[in-house]
Amino acid sequence: MAGFKEIRSNIELFFNVAKNCVRLNKVHQFTKESILKKVIRAFHLTSELIRTAKLFYIGVRELAEM
């Protein structure tokens, strides 16, 4: 079972990929519903981006720094 630090590190990497590659840091919407839709799309795209990057032997940490 993964330790707390490993889990936290993976979560931080996921959010860094979301911010840097899917522009999650650009959420400037006014309604809760529009923010929710944008975040759900960003999380799905981030998951797919990480999965695809692994197919091309690109590390998640490397992806997070792009």
PDB file of N, CA and C in Angstrom:
ATOM      1  N   MET A   1       0.844  -1.189   0.000  1.00  0.00           N
ATOM      2  CA  MET A   1       0.000   0.000   0.000  1.00  0.00           C
ATOM      3  C   MET A   1       0.881   1.241   0.000  1.00  0.00           C
ATOM      4  N   ALA A   2       0.494   2.228  -0.770  1.00  0.00           N
ATOM      5  CA  ALA A   2       1.275   3.455  -0.884  1.00  0.00           C
ATOM      6  C   ALA A   2       1.178   4.273   0.392  1.00  0.00           C
ATOM      7  N   GLY A   3       2.273   4.908   0.731  1.00  0.00           N
ATOM      8  CA  GLY A   3       2.301   5.755   1.913  1.00  0.00           C
ATOM      9  C   GLY A   3       1.680   7.108   1.632  1.00  0.00           C
ATOM     10  N   PHE A   4       1.454   7.852   2.706  1.00  0.00           N
ATOM     11  CA  PHE A   4       0.819   9.167   2.600  1.00  0.00           C
ATOM     12  C   PHE A   4       1.622  10.107   1.704  1.00  0.00           C
ATOM     13  N   LYS A   5       2.954  10.141   1.863  1.00  0.00           N
ATOM     14  CA  LYS A   5       3.779  11.052   1.065  1.00  0.00           C
ATOM     15  C   LYS A   5       3.705  10.722  -0.418  1.00  0.00           C
ATOM     16  N   GLU A   6       3.660   9.447  -0.750  1.00  0.00           N
ATOM     17  CA  GLU A   6       3.567   9.041  -2.155  1.00  0.00           C
ATOM     18  C   GLU A   6       2.218   9.443  -2.741  1.00  0.00           C
ATOM     19  N   ILE A   7       1.155   9.244  -1.979  1.00  0.00           N
ATOM     20  CA  ILE A   7      -0.187   9.620  -2.439  1.00  0.00           C
ATOM     21  C   ILE A   7      -0.263  11.129  -2.629  1.00  0.00           C
ATOM     22  N   ARG A   8       0.246  11.881  -1.653  1.00  0.00           N
ATOM     23  CA  ARG A   8       0.215  13.341  -1.743  1.00  0.00           C
ATOM     24  C   ARG A   8       1.029  13.824  -2.939  1.00  0.00           C
ATOM     25  N   SER A   9       2.182  13.215  -3.162  1.00  0.00           N
ATOM     26  CA  SER A   9       3.020  13.579  -4.299  1.00  0.00           C
ATOM     27  C   SER A   9       2.283  13.349  -5.616  1.00  0.00           C
ATOM     28  N   ASN A  10       1.581  12.223  -5.730  1.00  0.00           N
ATOM     29  CA  ASN A  10       0.813  11.924  -6.949  1.00  0.00           C
ATOM     30  C   ASN A  10      -0.312  12.925  -7.158  1.00  0.00           C
ATOM     31  N   ILE A  11      -0.967  13.318  -6.078  1.00  0.00           N
ATOM     32  CA  ILE A  11      -2.044  14.312  -6.178  1.00  0.00           C
ATOM     33  C   ILE A  11      -1.472  15.652  -6.625  1.00  0.00           C
ATOM     34  N   GLU A  12      -0.343  16.055  -6.054  1.00  0.00           N
ATOM     35  CA  GLU A  12       0.283  17.319  -6.443  1.00  0.00           C
ATOM     36  C   GLU A  12       0.700  17.294  -7.909  1.00  0.00           C
ATOM     37  N   LEU A  13       1.250  16.173  -8.365  1.00  0.00           N
ATOM     38  CA  LEU A  13       1.614  16.059  -9.776  1.00  0.00           C
ATOM     39  C   LEU A  13       0.396  16.184 -10.681  1.00  0.00           C
ATOM     40  N   PHE A  14      -0.708  15.525 -10.286  1.00  0.00           N
ATOM     41  CA  PHE A  14      -1.935  15.597 -11.066  1.00  0.00           C
ATOM     42  C   PHE A  14      -2.398  17.051 -11.199  1.00  0.00           C
ATOM     43  N   PHE A  15      -2.411  17.775 -10.076  1.00  0.00           N
ATOM     44  CA  PHE A  15      -2.863  19.168 -10.118  1.00  0.00           C
ATOM     45  C   PHE A  15      -1.897  20.047 -10.909  1.00  0.00           C
ATOM     46  N   ASN A  16      -0.602  19.764 -10.849  1.00  0.00           N
ATOM     47  CA  ASN A  16       0.351  20.535 -11.648  1.00  0.00           C
ATOM     48  C   ASN A  16       0.130  20.307 -13.138  1.00  0.00           C
ATOM     49  N   VAL A  17      -0.150  19.072 -13.527  1.00  0.00           N
ATOM     50  CA  VAL A  17      -0.468  18.796 -14.933  1.00  0.00           C
ATOM     51  C   VAL A  17      -1.748  19.534 -15.310  1.00  0.00           C
ATOM     52  N   ALA A  18      -2.748  19.482 -14.441  1.00  0.00           N
ATOM     53  CA  ALA A  18      -4.023  20.158 -14.724  1.00  0.00           C
ATOM     54  C   ALA A  18      -3.811  21.666 -14.884  1.00  0.00           C
ATOM     55  N   LYS A  19      -3.014  22.255 -14.011  1.00  0.00           N
ATOM     56  CA  LYS A  19      -2.775  23.697 -14.085  1.00  0.00           C
ATOM     57  C   LYS A  19      -1.955  24.075 -15.304  1.00  0.00           C
ATOM     58  N   ASN A  20      -0.889  23.328 -15.565  1.00  0.00           N
ATOM     59  CA  ASN A  20       0.051  23.725 -16.607  1.00  0.00           C
ATOM     60  C   ASN A  20      -0.348  23.283 -18.006  1.00  0.00           C
ATOM     61  N   CYS A  21      -1.010  22.161 -18.143  1.00  0.00           N
ATOM     62  CA  CYS A  21      -1.314  21.623 -19.477  1.00  0.00           C
ATOM     63  C   CYS A  21      -2.772  21.799 -19.881  1.00  0.00           C
ATOM     64  N   VAL A  22      -3.665  21.871 -18.939  1.00  0.00           N
ATOM     65  CA  VAL A  22      -5.091  21.946 -19.263  1.00  0.00           C
ATOM     66  C   VAL A  22      -5.679  23.295 -18.828  1.00  0.00           C
ATOM     67  N   ARG A  23      -4.810  24.176 -18.350  1.00  0.00           N
ATOM     68  CA  ARG A  23      -5.199  25.529 -17.940  1.00  0.00           C
ATOM     69  C   ARG A  23      -6.273  25.570 -16.864  1.00  0.00           C
ATOM     70  N   LEU A  24      -6.177  24.682 -15.906  1.00  0.00           N
ATOM     71  CA  LEU A  24      -7.142  24.715 -14.810  1.00  0.00           C
ATOM     72  C   LEU A  24      -6.964  25.979 -13.974  1.00  0.00           C
ATOM     73  N   ASN A  25      -5.783  26.578 -14.004  1.00  0.00           N
ATOM     74  CA  ASN A  25      -5.551  27.795 -13.234  1.00  0.00           C
ATOM     75  C   ASN A  25      -6.266  29.006 -13.822  1.00  0.00           C
ATOM     76  N   LYS A  26      -6.873  28.859 -14.991  1.00  0.00           N
ATOM     77  CA  LYS A  26      -7.562  29.965 -15.657  1.00  0.00           C
ATOM     78  C   LYS A  26      -9.071  29.934 -15.433  1.00  0.00           C
ATOM     79  N   VAL A  27      -9.536  29.412 -14.306  1.00  0.00           N
ATOM     80  CA  VAL A  27     -10.968  29.344 -14.039  1.00  0.00           C
ATOM     81  C   VAL A  27     -11.427  30.705 -13.520  1.00  0.00           C
ATOM     82  N   HIS A  28     -12.096  31.460 -14.384  1.00  0.00           N
ATOM     83  CA  HIS A  28     -12.625  32.770 -14.005  1.00  0.00           C
ATOM     84  C   HIS A  28     -14.098  32.857 -14.391  1.00  0.00           C
ATOM     85  N   GLN A  29     -14.844  31.871 -14.023  1.00  0.00           N
ATOM     86  CA  GLN A  29     -16.264  31.854 -14.338  1.00  0.00           C
ATOM     87  C   GLN A  29     -17.029  32.406 -13.141  1.00  0.00           C
ATOM     88  N   PHE A  30     -18.278  32.742 -13.340  1.00  0.00           N
ATOM     89  CA  PHE A  30     -19.054  33.370 -12.279  1.00  0.00           C
ATOM     90  C   PHE A  30     -20.025  32.435 -11.585  1.00  0.00           C
ATOM     91  N   THR A  31     -20.522  31.433 -12.275  1.00  0.00           N
ATOM     92  CA  THR A  31     -21.508  30.557 -11.653  1.00  0.00           C
ATOM     93  C   THR A  31     -20.865  29.254 -11.207  1.00  0.00           C
ATOM     94  N   LYS A  32     -21.403  28.694 -10.161  1.00  0.00           N
ATOM     95  CA  LYS A  32     -20.889  27.434  -9.637  1.00  0.00           C
ATOM     96  C   LYS A  32     -21.015  26.323 -10.679  1.00  0.00           C
ATOM     97  N   GLU A  33     -22.095  26.331 -11.444  1.00  0.00           N
ATOM     98  CA  GLU A  33     -22.305  25.294 -12.448  1.00  0.00           C
ATOM     99  C   GLU A  33     -21.259  25.362 -13.560  1.00  0.00           C
ATOM    100  N   SER A  34     -20.936  26.562 -14.004  1.00  0.00           N
ATOM    101  CA  SER A  34     -19.952  26.683 -15.090  1.00  0.00           C
ATOM    102  C   SER A  34     -18.556  26.298 -14.609  1.00  0.00           C
ATOM    103  N   ILE A  35     -18.217  26.626 -13.380  1.00  0.00           N
ATOM    104  CA  ILE A  35     -16.930  26.212 -12.816  1.00  0.00           C
ATOM    105  C   ILE A  35     -16.899  24.696 -12.695  1.00  0.00           C
ATOM    106  N   LEU A  36     -17.976  24.101 -12.228  1.00  0.00           N
ATOM    107  CA  LEU A  36     -18.042  22.652 -12.059  1.00  0.00           C
ATOM    108  C   LEU A  36     -17.842  21.949 -13.397  1.00  0.00           C
ATOM    109  N   LYS A  37     -18.515  22.438 -14.458  1.00  0.00           N
ATOM    110  CA  LYS A  37     -18.357  21.829 -15.781  1.00  0.00           C
ATOM    111  C   LYS A  37     -16.923  21.936 -16.265  1.00  0.00           C
ATOM    112  N   LYS A  38     -16.304  23.094 -16.063  1.00  0.00           N
ATOM    113  CA  LYS A  38     -14.926  23.291 -16.516  1.00  0.00           C
ATOM    114  C   LYS A  38     -13.959  22.391 -15.743  1.00  0.00           C
ATOM    115  N   VAL A  39     -14.158  22.255 -14.439  1.00  0.00           N
ATOM    116  CA  VAL A  39     -13.277  21.429 -13.613  1.00  0.00           C
ATOM    117  C   VAL A  39     -13.426  19.953 -13.977  1.00  0.00           C
ATOM    118  N   ILE A  40     -14.649  19.504 -14.189  1.00  0.00           N
ATOM    119  CA  ILE A  40     -14.875  18.105 -14.566  1.00  0.00           C
ATOM    120  C   ILE A  40     -14.184  17.807 -15.895  1.00  0.00           C
ATOM    121  N   ARG A  41     -14.324  18.704 -16.867  1.00  0.00           N
ATOM    122  CA  ARG A  41     -13.653  18.509 -18.157  1.00  0.00           C
ATOM    123  C   ARG A  41     -12.136  18.501 -17.997  1.00  0.00           C
ATOM    124  N   ALA A  42     -11.626  19.420 -17.185  1.00  0.00           N
ATOM    125  CA  ALA A  42     -10.177  19.514 -16.978  1.00  0.00           C
ATOM    126  C   ALA A  42      -9.633  18.256 -16.314  1.00  0.00           C
ATOM    127  N   PHE A  43     -10.365  17.716 -15.348  1.00  0.00           N
ATOM    128  CA  PHE A  43      -9.913  16.502 -14.671  1.00  0.00           C
ATOM    129  C   PHE A  43      -9.922  15.308 -15.629  1.00  0.00           C
ATOM    130  N   HIS A  44     -10.936  15.214 -16.449  1.00  0.00           N
ATOM    131  CA  HIS A  44     -10.991  14.120 -17.420  1.00  0.00           C
ATOM    132  C   HIS A  44      -9.843  14.253 -18.426  1.00  0.00           C
ATOM    133  N   LEU A  45      -9.637  15.454 -18.955  1.00  0.00           N
ATOM    134  CA  LEU A  45      -8.563  15.668 -19.909  1.00  0.00           C
ATOM    135  C   LEU A  45      -7.193  15.416 -19.283  1.00  0.00           C
ATOM    136  N   THR A  46      -7.019  15.814 -18.031  1.00  0.00           N
ATOM    137  CA  THR A  46      -5.752  15.581 -17.334  1.00  0.00           C
ATOM    138  C   THR A  46      -5.485  14.092 -17.195  1.00  0.00           C
ATOM    139  N   SER A  47      -6.490  13.335 -16.821  1.00  0.00           N
ATOM    140  CA  SER A  47      -6.331  11.881 -16.691  1.00  0.00           C
ATOM    141  C   SER A  47      -5.943  11.260 -18.029  1.00  0.00           C
ATOM    142  N   GLU A  48      -6.597  11.679 -19.098  1.00  0.00           N
ATOM    143  CA  GLU A  48      -6.281  11.157 -20.425  1.00  0.00           C
ATOM    144  C   GLU A  48      -4.896  11.596 -20.878  1.00  0.00           C
ATOM    145  N   LEU A  49      -4.526  12.822 -20.567  1.00  0.00           N
ATOM    146  CA  LEU A  49      -3.209  13.320 -20.927  1.00  0.00           C
ATOM    147  C   LEU A  49      -2.108  12.517 -20.239  1.00  0.00           C
ATOM    148  N   ILE A  50      -2.282  12.227 -18.956  1.00  0.00           N
ATOM    149  CA  ILE A  50      -1.307  11.428 -18.211  1.00  0.00           C
ATOM    150  C   ILE A  50      -1.240  10.022 -18.791  1.00  0.00           C
ATOM    151  N   ARG A  51      -2.385   9.434 -19.083  1.00  0.00           N
ATOM    152  CA  ARG A  51      -2.417   8.080 -19.648  1.00  0.00           C
ATOM    153  C   ARG A  51      -1.707   8.050 -20.998  1.00  0.00           C
ATOM    154  N   THR A  52      -1.967   9.032 -21.834  1.00  0.00           N
ATOM    155  CA  THR A  52      -1.341   9.092 -23.152  1.00  0.00           C
ATOM    156  C   THR A  52       0.159   9.353 -23.036  1.00  0.00           C
ATOM    157  N   ALA A  53       0.558  10.220 -22.128  1.00  0.00           N
ATOM    158  CA  ALA A  53       1.980  10.514 -21.939  1.00  0.00           C
ATOM    159  C   ALA A  53       2.747   9.255 -21.554  1.00  0.00           C
ATOM    160  N   LYS A  54       2.137   8.423 -20.721  1.00  0.00           N
ATOM    161  CA  LYS A  54       2.795   7.181 -20.313  1.00  0.00           C
ATOM    162  C   LYS A  54       3.008   6.255 -21.502  1.00  0.00           C
ATOM    163  N   LEU A  55       2.108   6.273 -22.482  1.00  0.00           N
ATOM    164  CA  LEU A  55       2.268   5.460 -23.685  1.00  0.00           C
ATOM    165  C   LEU A  55       3.503   5.883 -24.486  1.00  0.00           C
ATOM    166  N   PHE A  56       3.854   7.174 -24.382  1.00  0.00           N
ATOM    167  CA  PHE A  56       5.011   7.704 -25.099  1.00  0.00           C
ATOM    168  C   PHE A  56       6.226   7.855 -24.179  1.00  0.00           C
ATOM    169  N   TYR A  57       6.170   7.180 -23.043  1.00  0.00           N
ATOM    170  CA  TYR A  57       7.271   7.173 -22.076  1.00  0.00           C
ATOM    171  C   TYR A  57       7.646   8.566 -21.583  1.00  0.00           C
ATOM    172  N   ILE A  58       6.641   9.407 -21.429  1.00  0.00           N
ATOM    173  CA  ILE A  58       6.840  10.728 -20.845  1.00  0.00           C
ATOM    174  C   ILE A  58       6.388  10.633 -19.393  1.00  0.00           C
ATOM    175  N   GLY A  59       7.268  10.990 -18.487  1.00  0.00           N
ATOM    176  CA  GLY A  59       6.955  10.897 -17.066  1.00  0.00           C
ATOM    177  C   GLY A  59       5.950  11.954 -16.639  1.00  0.00           C
ATOM    178  N   VAL A  60       5.175  11.652 -15.624  1.00  0.00           N
ATOM    179  CA  VAL A  60       4.170  12.587 -15.126  1.00  0.00           C
ATOM    180  C   VAL A  60       4.852  13.836 -14.572  1.00  0.00           C
ATOM    181  N   ARG A  61       5.968  13.660 -13.891  1.00  0.00           N
ATOM    182  CA  ARG A  61       6.702  14.798 -13.341  1.00  0.00           C
ATOM    183  C   ARG A  61       7.188  15.714 -14.472  1.00  0.00           C
ATOM    184  N   GLU A  62       7.673  15.117 -15.561  1.00  0.00           N
ATOM    185  CA  GLU A  62       8.104  15.890 -16.726  1.00  0.00           C
ATOM    186  C   GLU A  62       6.918  16.628 -17.344  1.00  0.00           C
ATOM    187  N   LEU A  63       5.793  15.962 -17.429  1.00  0.00           N
ATOM    188  CA  LEU A  63       4.573  16.557 -17.973  1.00  0.00           C
ATOM    189  C   LEU A  63       4.111  17.724 -17.103  1.00  0.00           C
ATOM    190  N   ALA A  64       4.222  17.576 -15.792  1.00  0.00           N
ATOM    191  CA  ALA A  64       3.786  18.611 -14.862  1.00  0.00           C
ATOM    192  C   ALA A  64       4.608  19.886 -14.989  1.00  0.00           C
ATOM    193  N   GLU A  65       5.831  19.754 -15.475  1.00  0.00           N
ATOM    194  CA  GLU A  65       6.713  20.917 -15.588  1.00  0.00           C
ATOM    195  C   GLU A  65       6.626  21.604 -16.947  1.00  0.00           C
ATOM    196  N   MET A  66       5.816  21.081 -17.846  1.00  0.00           N
ATOM    197  CA  MET A  66       5.689  21.682 -19.188  1.00  0.00           C
ATOM    198  C   MET A  66       4.948  22.984 -19.112  1.00  0.00           C
TER     199      MET A  66
END
